[in-house]
C-alpha atoms as a PDB file:
ATOM      1  CA  PHE A   1      13.309  72.292 -50.414  1.00  0.00           C
ATOM      2  CA  PHE A   2      10.027  72.948 -48.673  1.00  0.00           C
ATOM      3  CA  GLU A   3      10.481  75.261 -45.690  1.00  0.00           C
ATOM      4  CA  GLY A   4       7.277  74.090 -44.080  1.00  0.00           C
ATOM      5  CA  PHE A   5       6.750  70.502 -42.966  1.00  0.00           C
ATOM      6  CA  VAL A   6       7.920  67.250 -44.450  1.00  0.00           C
ATOM      7  CA  LEU A   7       6.498  63.958 -43.296  1.00  0.00           C
ATOM      8  CA  ARG A   8       7.886  60.490 -43.708  1.00  0.00           C
ATOM      9  CA  PHE A   9       5.905  57.419 -42.795  1.00  0.00           C
ATOM     10  CA  LEU A  10       5.104  54.048 -44.292  1.00  0.00           C
ATOM     11  CA  LEU A  11       1.418  53.403 -44.708  1.00  0.00           C
ATOM     12  CA  GLY A  12      -0.024  49.977 -44.072  1.00  0.00           C
ATOM     13  CA  LYS A  13      -3.594  48.863 -43.704  1.00  0.00           C
ATOM     14  CA  ASP A  14      -4.294  51.275 -40.829  1.00  0.00           C
ATOM     15  CA  PHE A  15      -3.756  54.296 -43.051  1.00  0.00           C
ATOM     16  CA  VAL A  16      -5.578  56.850 -40.923  1.00  0.00           C
ATOM     17  CA  LEU A  17      -3.943  55.611 -37.718  1.00  0.00           C
ATOM     18  CA  HIS A  18      -0.475  55.998 -39.212  1.00  0.00           C
ATOM     19  CA  LEU A  19      -1.325  59.407 -40.626  1.00  0.00           C
ATOM     20  CA  CYS A  20      -2.709  60.792 -37.377  1.00  0.00           C
ATOM     21  CA  ALA A  21       0.263  59.469 -35.426  1.00  0.00           C
ATOM     22  CA  ALA A  22       2.605  61.199 -37.849  1.00  0.00           C
ATOM     23  CA  LEU A  23       0.678  64.474 -37.777  1.00  0.00           C
ATOM     24  CA  LEU A  24       0.260  64.879 -34.039  1.00  0.00           C
ATOM     25  CA  PRO A  25       3.689  66.526 -33.464  1.00  0.00           C
ATOM     26  CA  PHE A  26       2.888  69.156 -36.095  1.00  0.00           C
ATOM     27  CA  PRO A  27       0.060  71.422 -34.858  1.00  0.00           C
ATOM     28  CA  ALA A  28       0.027  73.512 -38.028  1.00  0.00           C
ATOM     29  CA  VAL A  29      -0.476  70.370 -40.092  1.00  0.00           C
ATOM     30  CA  LEU A  30      -3.647  69.650 -38.168  1.00  0.00           C
ATOM     31  CA  SER A  31      -5.128  72.662 -39.950  1.00  0.00           C
ATOM     32  CA  LEU A  32      -5.692  70.182 -42.755  1.00  0.00           C
ATOM     33  CA  PHE A  33      -8.549  68.770 -40.689  1.00  0.00           C
ATOM     34  CA  THR A  34      -9.683  71.599 -38.408  1.00  0.00           C
ATOM     35  CA  MET A  35      -9.812  75.371 -38.641  1.00  0.00           C
ATOM     36  CA  SER A  36      -8.835  77.732 -35.842  1.00  0.00           C
ATOM     37  CA  GLU A  37      -9.343  81.472 -35.458  1.00  0.00           C
ATOM     38  CA  GLY A  38      -6.622  83.583 -37.033  1.00  0.00           C
ATOM     39  CA  GLU A  39      -5.308  80.641 -39.007  1.00  0.00           C
ATOM     40  CA  PRO A  40      -2.858  81.402 -41.840  1.00  0.00           C
ATOM     41  CA  ALA A  41      -3.410  80.387 -45.451  1.00  0.00           C
ATOM     42  CA  VAL A  42      -4.367  76.773 -46.035  1.00  0.00           C
ATOM     43  CA  PRO A  43      -1.470  74.484 -46.959  1.00  0.00           C
ATOM     44  CA  THR A  44      -1.115  72.401 -50.107  1.00  0.00           C
ATOM     45  CA  VAL A  45      -0.255  68.725 -49.695  1.00  0.00           C
ATOM     46  CA  PHE A  46       1.850  66.801 -52.205  1.00  0.00           C
ATOM     47  CA  PHE A  47       1.596  63.025 -51.849  1.00  0.00           C
ATOM     48  CA  ASP A  48       4.088  60.585 -53.263  1.00  0.00           C
ATOM     49  CA  LEU A  49       2.455  57.459 -54.691  1.00  0.00           C
ATOM     50  CA  ASP A  50       4.437  54.209 -54.620  1.00  0.00           C
ATOM     51  CA  ASP A  51       5.422  53.033 -51.137  1.00  0.00           C
ATOM     52  CA  THR A  52       3.606  56.010 -49.618  1.00  0.00           C
ATOM     53  CA  LEU A  53      -0.093  55.749 -50.416  1.00  0.00           C
ATOM     54  CA  TYR A  54       0.373  51.991 -50.518  1.00  0.00           C
ATOM     55  CA  PRO A  55       3.201  49.530 -49.798  1.00  0.00           C
ATOM     56  CA  TYR A  56       5.248  48.671 -52.891  1.00  0.00           C
ATOM     57  CA  ASN A  57       5.795  45.087 -51.781  1.00  0.00           C
ATOM     58  CA  GLN A  58       8.511  42.571 -52.593  1.00  0.00           C
ATOM     59  CA  PRO A  59       6.673  40.872 -55.488  1.00  0.00           C
ATOM     60  CA  LEU A  60       6.200  44.263 -57.150  1.00  0.00           C
ATOM     61  CA  LEU A  61       9.832  45.219 -56.542  1.00  0.00           C
ATOM     62  CA  GLN A  62      11.024  41.903 -57.951  1.00  0.00           C
ATOM     63  CA  ARG A  63       8.792  42.117 -60.997  1.00  0.00           C
ATOM     64  CA  THR A  64       9.796  45.732 -61.647  1.00  0.00           C
ATOM     65  CA  SER A  65      13.458  44.751 -61.599  1.00  0.00           C
ATOM     66  CA  GLU A  66      12.833  41.859 -63.991  1.00  0.00           C
ATOM     67  CA  LEU A  67      10.923  44.090 -66.409  1.00  0.00           C
ATOM     68  CA  ILE A  68      13.583  46.802 -66.359  1.00  0.00           C
ATOM     69  CA  LEU A  69      16.426  44.358 -66.904  1.00  0.00           C
ATOM     70  CA  GLY A  70      14.544  42.611 -69.690  1.00  0.00           C
ATOM     71  CA  HIS A  71      13.818  45.866 -71.496  1.00  0.00           C
ATOM     72  CA  VAL A  72      17.367  47.239 -71.100  1.00  0.00           C
ATOM     73  CA  SER A  73      18.847  43.914 -72.200  1.00  0.00           C
ATOM     74  CA  GLU A  74      16.710  43.820 -75.333  1.00  0.00           C
ATOM     75  CA  LYS A  75      17.169  47.498 -76.156  1.00  0.00           C
ATOM     76  CA  LEU A  76      20.956  47.495 -75.802  1.00  0.00           C
ATOM     77  CA  GLY A  77      21.588  43.976 -77.041  1.00  0.00           C
ATOM     78  CA  ILE A  78      23.321  42.857 -73.851  1.00  0.00           C
ATOM     79  CA  SER A  79      22.781  40.001 -71.412  1.00  0.00           C
ATOM     80  CA  THR A  80      20.483  40.290 -68.416  1.00  0.00           C
ATOM     81  CA  ALA A  81      23.534  40.037 -66.157  1.00  0.00           C
ATOM     82  CA  GLU A  82      25.201  42.915 -67.983  1.00  0.00           C
ATOM     83  CA  ALA A  83      21.995  44.932 -67.754  1.00  0.00           C
ATOM     84  CA  GLY A  84      21.895  44.256 -64.006  1.00  0.00           C
ATOM     85  CA  ALA A  85      25.479  45.437 -63.531  1.00  0.00           C
ATOM     86  CA  LEU A  86      24.760  48.558 -65.572  1.00  0.00           C
ATOM     87  CA  ARG A  87      21.629  49.282 -63.584  1.00  0.00           C
ATOM     88  CA  GLN A  88      23.444  48.872 -60.273  1.00  0.00           C
ATOM     89  CA  ARG A  89      26.133  51.327 -61.383  1.00  0.00           C
ATOM     90  CA  LEU A  90      23.617  53.877 -62.626  1.00  0.00           C
ATOM     91  CA  LEU A  91      21.561  53.745 -59.436  1.00  0.00           C
ATOM     92  CA  GLY A  92      24.682  54.716 -57.534  1.00  0.00           C
ATOM     93  CA  LYS A  93      24.781  57.997 -59.453  1.00  0.00           C
ATOM     94  CA  TYR A  94      21.217  58.797 -60.527  1.00  0.00           C
ATOM     95  CA  PRO A  95      17.779  58.793 -58.825  1.00  0.00           C
ATOM     96  CA  MET A  96      16.378  56.248 -61.280  1.00  0.00           C
ATOM     97  CA  THR A  97      17.797  53.794 -63.806  1.00  0.00           C
ATOM     98  CA  ILE A  98      16.226  55.626 -66.728  1.00  0.00           C
ATOM     99  CA  CYS A  99      17.822  58.905 -65.647  1.00  0.00           C
ATOM    100  CA  GLY A 100      21.251  57.323 -65.951  1.00  0.00           C
ATOM    101  CA  LEU A 101      20.421  55.563 -69.212  1.00  0.00           C
ATOM    102  CA  LEU A 102      19.450  58.912 -70.726  1.00  0.00           C
ATOM    103  CA  ALA A 103      22.244  60.942 -69.147  1.00  0.00           C
ATOM    104  CA  GLU A 104      24.946  58.566 -70.385  1.00  0.00           C
ATOM    105  CA  GLY A 105      23.519  58.121 -73.864  1.00  0.00           C
ATOM    106  CA  TYR A 106      22.325  54.527 -73.635  1.00  0.00           C
ATOM    107  CA  PHE A 107      18.751  55.645 -74.287  1.00  0.00           C
ATOM    108  CA  GLN A 108      17.415  58.649 -76.180  1.00  0.00           C
ATOM    109  CA  PRO A 109      14.569  60.920 -74.994  1.00  0.00           C
ATOM    110  CA  GLU A 110      12.172  59.225 -77.404  1.00  0.00           C
ATOM    111  CA  ASP A 111      12.852  55.926 -75.609  1.00  0.00           C
ATOM    112  CA  LEU A 112      11.441  57.173 -72.288  1.00  0.00           C
ATOM    113  CA  GLU A 113       7.776  56.331 -72.786  1.00  0.00           C
ATOM    114  CA  GLY A 114       8.614  52.866 -74.092  1.00  0.00           C
ATOM    115  CA  TYR A 115      10.821  52.232 -71.068  1.00  0.00           C
ATOM    116  CA  LEU A 116       8.130  53.286 -68.616  1.00  0.00           C
ATOM    117  CA  SER A 117       5.452  51.300 -70.409  1.00  0.00           C
ATOM    118  CA  ALA A 118       7.619  48.173 -70.556  1.00  0.00           C
ATOM    119  CA  SER A 119       8.626  48.389 -66.896  1.00  0.00           C
ATOM    120  CA  MET A 120       5.271  49.367 -65.382  1.00  0.00           C
ATOM    121  CA  ASP A 121       2.306  48.373 -67.516  1.00  0.00           C
ATOM    122  CA  PRO A 122       2.784  44.584 -67.023  1.00  0.00           C
ATOM    123  CA  LEU A 123       3.009  44.923 -63.220  1.00  0.00           C
ATOM    124  CA  PRO A 124       0.331  42.875 -61.391  1.00  0.00           C
ATOM    125  CA  ILE A 125      -0.976  45.946 -59.568  1.00  0.00           C
ATOM    126  CA  GLU A 126      -4.545  44.705 -59.248  1.00  0.00           C
ATOM    127  CA  GLU A 127      -3.335  41.433 -57.738  1.00  0.00           C
ATOM    128  CA  GLU A 128      -0.763  42.872 -55.339  1.00  0.00           C
ATOM    129  CA  VAL A 129      -2.330  46.164 -54.224  1.00  0.00           C
ATOM    130  CA  GLN A 130      -5.292  45.638 -51.944  1.00  0.00           C
ATOM    131  CA  PRO A 131      -8.081  48.241 -51.822  1.00  0.00           C
ATOM    132  CA  ASN A 132      -7.642  50.361 -48.708  1.00  0.00           C
ATOM    133  CA  PRO A 133     -10.713  52.410 -47.697  1.00  0.00           C
ATOM    134  CA  GLY A 134      -8.495  54.352 -45.308  1.00  0.00           C
ATOM    135  CA  VAL A 135      -6.915  56.282 -48.177  1.00  0.00           C
ATOM    136  CA  ALA A 136     -10.196  57.801 -49.348  1.00  0.00           C
ATOM    137  CA  GLU A 137     -11.337  58.151 -45.735  1.00  0.00           C
ATOM    138  CA  MET A 138      -8.301  60.246 -44.862  1.00  0.00           C
ATOM    139  CA  LEU A 139      -8.691  62.431 -47.957  1.00  0.00           C
ATOM    140  CA  ARG A 140     -12.378  63.032 -47.213  1.00  0.00           C
ATOM    141  CA  ALA A 141     -11.509  63.957 -43.621  1.00  0.00           C
ATOM    142  CA  MET A 142      -9.381  66.863 -44.832  1.00  0.00           C
ATOM    143  CA  ARG A 143     -10.972  70.271 -45.122  1.00  0.00           C
ATOM    144  CA  PRO A 144     -12.282  70.693 -48.679  1.00  0.00           C
ATOM    145  CA  GLU A 145     -10.207  73.832 -49.264  1.00  0.00           C
ATOM    146  CA  VAL A 146      -6.931  71.942 -48.689  1.00  0.00           C
ATOM    147  CA  ALA A 147      -5.353  71.270 -52.080  1.00  0.00           C
ATOM    148  CA  LYS A 148      -4.155  67.692 -52.556  1.00  0.00           C
ATOM    149  CA  TRP A 149      -1.786  66.652 -55.338  1.00  0.00           C
ATOM    150  CA  ILE A 150       0.007  63.478 -56.396  1.00  0.00           C
ATOM    151  CA  LEU A 151       3.731  64.077 -57.025  1.00  0.00           C
ATOM    152  CA  THR A 152       5.316  60.912 -58.397  1.00  0.00           C
ATOM    153  CA  ASN A 153       8.410  59.901 -60.356  1.00  0.00           C
ATOM    154  CA  SER A 154       6.208  57.314 -62.026  1.00  0.00           C
ATOM    155  CA  TYR A 155       4.066  58.098 -65.061  1.00  0.00           C
ATOM    156  CA  MET A 156       0.417  58.959 -65.406  1.00  0.00           C
ATOM    157  CA  PRO A 157      -1.052  55.602 -66.549  1.00  0.00           C
ATOM    158  CA  HIS A 158       0.511  53.834 -63.561  1.00  0.00           C
ATOM    159  CA  ALA A 159      -0.621  56.525 -61.112  1.00  0.00           C
ATOM    160  CA  ARG A 160      -4.191  56.416 -62.360  1.00  0.00           C
ATOM    161  CA  ARG A 161      -4.201  52.634 -62.277  1.00  0.00           C
ATOM    162  CA  VAL A 162      -3.279  52.676 -58.587  1.00  0.00           C
ATOM    163  CA  LEU A 163      -5.705  55.447 -57.680  1.00  0.00           C
ATOM    164  CA  ARG A 164      -8.554  53.566 -59.350  1.00  0.00           C
ATOM    165  CA  ILE A 165      -7.992  50.730 -56.902  1.00  0.00           C
ATOM    166  CA  PHE A 166      -8.492  53.155 -54.013  1.00  0.00           C
ATOM    167  CA  GLU A 167     -11.337  54.962 -55.812  1.00  0.00           C
ATOM    168  CA  CYS A 168      -9.851  58.337 -54.978  1.00  0.00           C
ATOM    169  CA  GLU A 169      -8.425  59.892 -58.151  1.00  0.00           C
ATOM    170  CA  GLU A 170     -11.177  62.521 -58.216  1.00  0.00           C
ATOM    171  CA  MET A 171     -10.219  63.568 -54.667  1.00  0.00           C
ATOM    172  CA  PHE A 172      -6.918  65.009 -55.875  1.00  0.00           C
ATOM    173  CA  ASP A 173      -6.608  68.409 -57.470  1.00  0.00           C
ATOM    174  CA  GLY A 174      -4.007  67.135 -59.882  1.00  0.00           C
ATOM    175  CA  LEU A 175      -1.395  64.519 -60.739  1.00  0.00           C
ATOM    176  CA  ILE A 176       2.219  65.443 -61.455  1.00  0.00           C
ATOM    177  CA  ASP A 177       4.274  62.681 -63.048  1.00  0.00           C
ATOM    178  CA  VAL A 178       7.761  62.263 -64.487  1.00  0.00           C
ATOM    179  CA  PHE A 179       6.724  63.756 -67.829  1.00  0.00           C
ATOM    180  CA  THR A 180       5.291  66.825 -66.127  1.00  0.00           C
ATOM    181  CA  MET A 181       8.475  67.383 -64.110  1.00  0.00           C
ATOM    182  CA  GLY A 182      10.874  66.335 -66.848  1.00  0.00           C
ATOM    183  CA  ILE A 183      12.980  63.203 -66.502  1.00  0.00           C
ATOM    184  CA  HIS A 184      16.112  65.158 -65.553  1.00  0.00           C
ATOM    185  CA  GLN A 185      14.172  67.325 -63.110  1.00  0.00           C
ATOM    186  CA  CYS A 186      12.244  64.702 -61.154  1.00  0.00           C
ATOM    187  CA  LYS A 187      12.495  64.185 -57.393  1.00  0.00           C
ATOM    188  CA  PRO A 188      14.832  64.818 -55.598  1.00  0.00           C
ATOM    189  CA  ASN A 189      15.858  67.594 -57.996  1.00  0.00           C
ATOM    190  CA  PRO A 190      14.671  70.868 -56.388  1.00  0.00           C
ATOM    191  CA  GLN A 191      13.220  71.869 -59.747  1.00  0.00           C
ATOM    192  CA  ALA A 192      10.589  69.153 -59.287  1.00  0.00           C
ATOM    193  CA  TYR A 193       9.211  71.014 -56.286  1.00  0.00           C
ATOM    194  CA  HIS A 194       9.304  74.358 -58.091  1.00  0.00           C
ATOM    195  CA  THR A 195       7.272  72.737 -60.869  1.00  0.00           C
ATOM    196  CA  ALA A 196       4.829  71.250 -58.370  1.00  0.00           C
ATOM    197  CA  MET A 197       4.309  74.602 -56.661  1.00  0.00           C
ATOM    198  CA  ARG A 198       3.808  76.388 -59.970  1.00  0.00           C
ATOM    199  CA  LEU A 199       1.203  73.900 -61.142  1.00  0.00           C
ATOM    200  CA  ALA A 200      -0.570  73.997 -57.787  1.00  0.00           C
ATOM    201  CA  GLY A 201      -0.550  77.801 -57.780  1.00  0.00           C
ATOM    202  CA  VAL A 202       1.489  78.041 -54.572  1.00  0.00           C
ATOM    203  CA  ASN A 203       4.080  80.777 -54.067  1.00  0.00           C
ATOM    204  CA  ASN A 204       5.142  80.147 -50.494  1.00  0.00           C
ATOM    205  CA  PRO A 205       7.008  76.852 -49.812  1.00  0.00           C
ATOM    206  CA  ALA A 206       6.198  77.231 -46.120  1.00  0.00           C
ATOM    207  CA  LEU A 207       2.603  76.400 -47.028  1.00  0.00           C
ATOM    208  CA  CYS A 208       3.576  73.113 -48.679  1.00  0.00           C
ATOM    209  CA  ILE A 209       3.530  69.672 -47.083  1.00  0.00           C
ATOM    210  CA  LEU A 210       5.339  66.799 -48.754  1.00  0.00           C
ATOM    211  CA  VAL A 211       4.338  63.253 -47.824  1.00  0.00           C
ATOM    212  CA  ASP A 212       6.992  60.880 -49.144  1.00  0.00           C
ATOM    213  CA  ASP A 213       8.762  57.660 -48.142  1.00  0.00           C
ATOM    214  CA  SER A 214      12.171  58.839 -49.441  1.00  0.00           C
ATOM    215  CA  LEU A 215      14.463  60.845 -47.176  1.00  0.00           C
ATOM    216  CA  LYS A 216      16.351  62.030 -50.252  1.00  0.00           C
ATOM    217  CA  ASN A 217      13.163  63.558 -51.602  1.00  0.00           C
ATOM    218  CA  LEU A 218      12.308  65.131 -48.253  1.00  0.00           C
ATOM    219  CA  ARG A 219      15.774  66.610 -47.788  1.00  0.00           C
ATOM    220  CA  ALA A 220      16.035  68.053 -51.296  1.00  0.00           C
END
């Protein structure tokens, strides 16, 4: 969707090193850090959260799957194996399991918050996600007038929990989660990016930078 620049890179411990390496081919993106004479309007940066600002590792992936299957199994009164087969089928058609559960009538809209809470709140985030000073360092290195937003298909309590680890929530201008976008209009639905631009007060997509680990989201 964005007509400007889209970046895809996985961020490990050397956050700033990875970021700079990714930015070097894009001179206009360097305006995030330095100002040049005659420079156009300052861009707005939308950061994905999970597996972008930090690595969503195998233990977290495994635990997430277990929590989702357990909740779906209990909610629908089916076995864990049946829940797994259902989830696999839905992920072939929808961006997230919950999108398919809602679209095909297994869950109702009022079930969304319970699903997200059950599948994310028990995650051992504090044990698995290591504090990375490079995240805050990179954000502080950006020019103060550059707007920085979180754009995540997760939900707000999870996003804030992660950002507290990095001590950088206050460095973002805003957080956009699945409830803000709408479950049927989350990434990679183009409407998600329209919503993000509207909330950030941006009219020109060429002035938007999306930092995301998903090619589907970047190509939307």
